[in-house]
Amino acid sequence: MWRAFFLAVGTMLIILGVECLVIDSATFVTEPPKQVKQTSGNAWFPDPPKLETLESKKVVRPPEWIPWSLIASGAVIVLYSLTLRRIGGSA
């Protein structure tokens, strides 16, 4: 069970590191969009509700060292998980 856990953690760190390497910045929205009151439209075919612009955004720009450290630590953890001894199976 520990082997699978460490393999999953290492794989996720590698994936997160590659994602940080590919993107320049990430924008996170802190509030859901709010609906504007509908003012026009026909009773049979109403207009779809319009959404307000999102005001509360958080932009994250990872430093240059973050992706490489995530990839390196994930690779070390994956290598560690592959060296763990299997119990109950043929090793």
N, C-alpha and C. Protein backbone atom coordinates (compact mmCIF):
# COMPACT_ATOMS: atom_id res chain seq x y z
N MET A 1 0.82 -1.18 0.00
CA MET A 1 0.00 0.00 0.00
C MET A 1 0.87 1.26 0.00
N TRP A 2 1.97 1.26 0.77
CA TRP A 2 2.85 2.42 0.81
C TRP A 2 3.50 2.66 -0.54
N ARG A 3 3.80 1.56 -1.23
CA ARG A 3 4.43 1.69 -2.54
C ARG A 3 3.52 2.44 -3.51
N ALA A 4 2.26 2.09 -3.54
CA ALA A 4 1.31 2.75 -4.42
C ALA A 4 1.09 4.21 -4.00
N PHE A 5 1.07 4.46 -2.70
CA PHE A 5 0.89 5.83 -2.21
C PHE A 5 2.05 6.72 -2.65
N PHE A 6 3.29 6.27 -2.44
CA PHE A 6 4.43 7.08 -2.82
C PHE A 6 4.55 7.22 -4.34
N LEU A 7 4.17 6.19 -5.07
CA LEU A 7 4.18 6.28 -6.52
C LEU A 7 3.17 7.33 -7.00
N ALA A 8 2.00 7.37 -6.37
CA ALA A 8 0.98 8.36 -6.74
C ALA A 8 1.43 9.78 -6.38
N VAL A 9 2.01 9.96 -5.21
CA VAL A 9 2.47 11.28 -4.79
C VAL A 9 3.58 11.77 -5.72
N GLY A 10 4.54 10.91 -6.04
CA GLY A 10 5.62 11.29 -6.93
C GLY A 10 5.13 11.62 -8.33
N THR A 11 4.19 10.84 -8.82
CA THR A 11 3.63 11.10 -10.15
C THR A 11 2.89 12.42 -10.19
N MET A 12 2.13 12.73 -9.14
CA MET A 12 1.42 14.00 -9.10
C MET A 12 2.38 15.18 -9.02
N LEU A 13 3.49 15.04 -8.30
CA LEU A 13 4.47 16.12 -8.25
C LEU A 13 5.11 16.34 -9.61
N ILE A 14 5.38 15.27 -10.32
CA ILE A 14 5.95 15.40 -11.67
C ILE A 14 4.95 16.08 -12.60
N ILE A 15 3.70 15.69 -12.55
CA ILE A 15 2.67 16.29 -13.40
C ILE A 15 2.51 17.78 -13.06
N LEU A 16 2.47 18.11 -11.78
CA LEU A 16 2.34 19.51 -11.37
C LEU A 16 3.55 20.33 -11.81
N GLY A 17 4.74 19.74 -11.73
CA GLY A 17 5.93 20.43 -12.18
C GLY A 17 5.93 20.69 -13.67
N VAL A 18 5.47 19.71 -14.46
CA VAL A 18 5.39 19.90 -15.91
C VAL A 18 4.34 20.96 -16.25
N GLU A 19 3.23 20.98 -15.53
CA GLU A 19 2.22 22.01 -15.76
C GLU A 19 2.76 23.40 -15.44
N CYS A 20 3.51 23.53 -14.35
CA CYS A 20 4.10 24.82 -14.00
C CYS A 20 5.16 25.24 -15.02
N LEU A 21 5.80 24.26 -15.64
CA LEU A 21 6.81 24.56 -16.65
C LEU A 21 6.16 25.08 -17.93
N VAL A 22 4.97 24.59 -18.23
CA VAL A 22 4.29 24.94 -19.48
C VAL A 22 3.58 26.29 -19.38
N ILE A 23 2.94 26.56 -18.25
CA ILE A 23 2.15 27.80 -18.15
C ILE A 23 3.02 28.99 -17.78
N ASP A 24 2.55 30.17 -18.15
CA ASP A 24 3.22 31.40 -17.75
C ASP A 24 2.58 31.97 -16.49
N SER A 25 1.24 31.88 -16.42
CA SER A 25 0.52 32.33 -15.23
C SER A 25 -0.81 31.59 -15.16
N ALA A 26 -1.35 31.53 -13.95
CA ALA A 26 -2.65 30.90 -13.73
C ALA A 26 -3.56 31.89 -13.03
N THR A 27 -4.81 31.98 -13.46
CA THR A 27 -5.78 32.89 -12.87
C THR A 27 -6.82 32.09 -12.11
N PHE A 28 -6.97 32.38 -10.83
CA PHE A 28 -7.96 31.72 -9.99
C PHE A 28 -9.07 32.70 -9.66
N VAL A 29 -10.31 32.27 -9.75
CA VAL A 29 -11.47 33.10 -9.45
C VAL A 29 -11.91 32.76 -8.03
N THR A 30 -12.11 33.79 -7.21
CA THR A 30 -12.46 33.54 -5.82
C THR A 30 -13.97 33.58 -5.56
N GLU A 31 -14.73 34.23 -6.43
CA GLU A 31 -16.18 34.30 -6.25
C GLU A 31 -16.89 33.77 -7.49
N PRO A 32 -18.03 33.11 -7.31
CA PRO A 32 -18.79 32.68 -8.49
C PRO A 32 -19.42 33.88 -9.19
N PRO A 33 -19.69 33.77 -10.48
CA PRO A 33 -20.33 34.89 -11.18
C PRO A 33 -21.75 35.12 -10.67
N LYS A 34 -22.17 36.38 -10.70
CA LYS A 34 -23.52 36.73 -10.25
C LYS A 34 -24.39 37.01 -11.46
N GLN A 35 -25.67 36.67 -11.35
CA GLN A 35 -26.59 36.89 -12.46
C GLN A 35 -27.15 38.31 -12.40
N VAL A 36 -27.28 38.90 -13.57
CA VAL A 36 -27.86 40.23 -13.69
C VAL A 36 -29.36 40.07 -13.90
N LYS A 37 -30.11 40.99 -13.37
CA LYS A 37 -31.56 40.94 -13.52
C LYS A 37 -31.94 41.06 -15.00
N GLN A 38 -32.84 40.19 -15.43
CA GLN A 38 -33.25 40.17 -16.84
C GLN A 38 -34.22 41.32 -17.09
N THR A 39 -33.89 42.15 -18.10
CA THR A 39 -34.72 43.33 -18.34
C THR A 39 -35.54 43.23 -19.62
N SER A 40 -35.06 42.48 -20.60
CA SER A 40 -35.81 42.40 -21.85
C SER A 40 -36.04 40.95 -22.22
N GLY A 41 -36.91 40.75 -23.20
CA GLY A 41 -37.18 39.40 -23.67
C GLY A 41 -38.66 39.16 -23.82
N ASN A 42 -38.97 38.20 -24.58
CA ASN A 42 -40.34 37.79 -24.84
C ASN A 42 -40.73 36.73 -23.82
N ALA A 43 -42.02 36.63 -23.54
CA ALA A 43 -42.47 35.64 -22.57
C ALA A 43 -42.26 34.22 -23.10
N TRP A 44 -42.39 34.06 -24.43
CA TRP A 44 -42.22 32.73 -25.01
C TRP A 44 -40.75 32.36 -25.17
N PHE A 45 -39.94 33.30 -25.57
CA PHE A 45 -38.51 33.04 -25.79
C PHE A 45 -37.69 34.06 -25.02
N PRO A 46 -37.49 33.83 -23.73
CA PRO A 46 -36.74 34.81 -22.93
C PRO A 46 -35.25 34.79 -23.29
N ASP A 47 -34.61 35.95 -23.12
CA ASP A 47 -33.17 36.03 -23.34
C ASP A 47 -32.44 35.28 -22.23
N PRO A 48 -31.30 34.69 -22.55
CA PRO A 48 -30.55 34.00 -21.49
C PRO A 48 -30.00 35.02 -20.49
N PRO A 49 -29.89 34.63 -19.23
CA PRO A 49 -29.39 35.57 -18.23
C PRO A 49 -27.93 35.92 -18.52
N LYS A 50 -27.60 37.20 -18.32
CA LYS A 50 -26.24 37.66 -18.55
C LYS A 50 -25.48 37.64 -17.23
N LEU A 51 -24.18 37.36 -17.31
CA LEU A 51 -23.36 37.27 -16.12
C LEU A 51 -22.50 38.52 -15.98
N GLU A 52 -22.32 38.95 -14.75
CA GLU A 52 -21.46 40.10 -14.49
C GLU A 52 -20.00 39.69 -14.70
N THR A 53 -19.18 40.68 -14.93
CA THR A 53 -17.75 40.38 -15.04
C THR A 53 -17.21 40.02 -13.67
N LEU A 54 -16.23 39.14 -13.66
CA LEU A 54 -15.66 38.69 -12.41
C LEU A 54 -14.62 39.72 -11.93
N GLU A 55 -14.81 40.21 -10.73
CA GLU A 55 -13.93 41.23 -10.20
C GLU A 55 -12.82 40.66 -9.33
N SER A 56 -13.07 39.57 -8.64
CA SER A 56 -12.09 39.04 -7.70
C SER A 56 -11.33 37.88 -8.35
N LYS A 57 -10.16 38.19 -8.88
CA LYS A 57 -9.31 37.20 -9.52
C LYS A 57 -7.95 37.21 -8.84
N LYS A 58 -7.31 36.06 -8.81
CA LYS A 58 -5.96 35.98 -8.27
C LYS A 58 -5.08 35.36 -9.34
N VAL A 59 -4.03 36.08 -9.71
CA VAL A 59 -3.11 35.62 -10.74
C VAL A 59 -1.85 35.10 -10.06
N VAL A 60 -1.47 33.86 -10.39
CA VAL A 60 -0.28 33.24 -9.82
C VAL A 60 0.73 33.03 -10.94
N ARG A 61 1.94 33.56 -10.73
CA ARG A 61 3.04 33.36 -11.68
C ARG A 61 4.14 32.59 -10.95
N PRO A 62 4.30 31.28 -11.23
CA PRO A 62 5.30 30.51 -10.50
C PRO A 62 6.71 30.95 -10.86
N PRO A 63 7.60 31.05 -9.86
CA PRO A 63 8.99 31.39 -10.16
C PRO A 63 9.65 30.30 -11.00
N GLU A 64 10.83 30.60 -11.55
CA GLU A 64 11.49 29.67 -12.46
C GLU A 64 11.96 28.40 -11.76
N TRP A 65 12.23 28.44 -10.47
CA TRP A 65 12.76 27.28 -9.78
C TRP A 65 11.68 26.29 -9.34
N ILE A 66 10.43 26.71 -9.30
CA ILE A 66 9.34 25.83 -8.82
C ILE A 66 9.15 24.59 -9.70
N PRO A 67 9.02 24.70 -11.04
CA PRO A 67 8.78 23.49 -11.82
C PRO A 67 9.91 22.48 -11.72
N TRP A 68 11.15 22.96 -11.72
CA TRP A 68 12.28 22.04 -11.68
C TRP A 68 12.39 21.34 -10.34
N SER A 69 12.09 22.03 -9.26
CA SER A 69 12.15 21.38 -7.95
C SER A 69 11.00 20.38 -7.78
N LEU A 70 9.82 20.68 -8.33
CA LEU A 70 8.71 19.72 -8.26
C LEU A 70 9.02 18.46 -9.07
N ILE A 71 9.58 18.64 -10.27
CA ILE A 71 9.92 17.49 -11.11
C ILE A 71 11.01 16.65 -10.45
N ALA A 72 12.02 17.31 -9.89
CA ALA A 72 13.12 16.57 -9.26
C ALA A 72 12.66 15.81 -8.02
N SER A 73 11.88 16.48 -7.17
CA SER A 73 11.40 15.79 -5.96
C SER A 73 10.42 14.67 -6.31
N GLY A 74 9.60 14.87 -7.33
CA GLY A 74 8.70 13.80 -7.78
C GLY A 74 9.46 12.62 -8.32
N ALA A 75 10.55 12.87 -9.06
CA ALA A 75 11.36 11.77 -9.59
C ALA A 75 12.04 11.00 -8.46
N VAL A 76 12.52 11.71 -7.45
CA VAL A 76 13.14 11.02 -6.31
C VAL A 76 12.13 10.16 -5.58
N ILE A 77 10.93 10.67 -5.39
CA ILE A 77 9.89 9.89 -4.69
C ILE A 77 9.46 8.68 -5.51
N VAL A 78 9.35 8.85 -6.84
CA VAL A 78 9.01 7.69 -7.69
C VAL A 78 10.11 6.64 -7.62
N LEU A 79 11.36 7.06 -7.68
CA LEU A 79 12.46 6.09 -7.56
C LEU A 79 12.45 5.41 -6.20
N TYR A 80 12.13 6.15 -5.15
CA TYR A 80 12.02 5.55 -3.82
C TYR A 80 10.90 4.52 -3.78
N SER A 81 9.77 4.85 -4.40
CA SER A 81 8.64 3.91 -4.36
C SER A 81 8.96 2.64 -5.14
N LEU A 82 9.78 2.76 -6.18
CA LEU A 82 10.14 1.56 -6.96
C LEU A 82 11.16 0.68 -6.23
N THR A 83 11.86 1.25 -5.27
CA THR A 83 12.84 0.44 -4.50
C THR A 83 12.23 -0.17 -3.26
N LEU A 84 11.01 0.19 -2.90
CA LEU A 84 10.37 -0.42 -1.73
C LEU A 84 10.13 -1.90 -2.00
N ARG A 85 10.28 -2.69 -0.96
CA ARG A 85 10.11 -4.13 -1.07
C ARG A 85 8.63 -4.48 -1.11
N ARG A 86 8.28 -5.35 -2.01
CA ARG A 86 6.90 -5.85 -2.05
C ARG A 86 6.71 -6.93 -1.02
N ILE A 87 5.61 -6.87 -0.32
CA ILE A 87 5.30 -7.89 0.67
C ILE A 87 4.21 -8.79 0.10
N GLY A 88 4.43 -10.08 0.10
CA GLY A 88 3.43 -11.01 -0.37
C GLY A 88 3.51 -11.29 -1.87
N GLY A 89 4.38 -10.64 -2.57
CA GLY A 89 4.52 -10.87 -4.01
C GLY A 89 5.94 -11.24 -4.33
N SER A 90 6.18 -11.54 -5.57
CA SER A 90 7.53 -11.85 -5.99
C SER A 90 8.28 -10.57 -6.28
N ALA A 91 9.43 -10.40 -5.65
CA ALA A 91 10.18 -9.16 -5.83
C ALA A 91 11.41 -9.34 -6.63
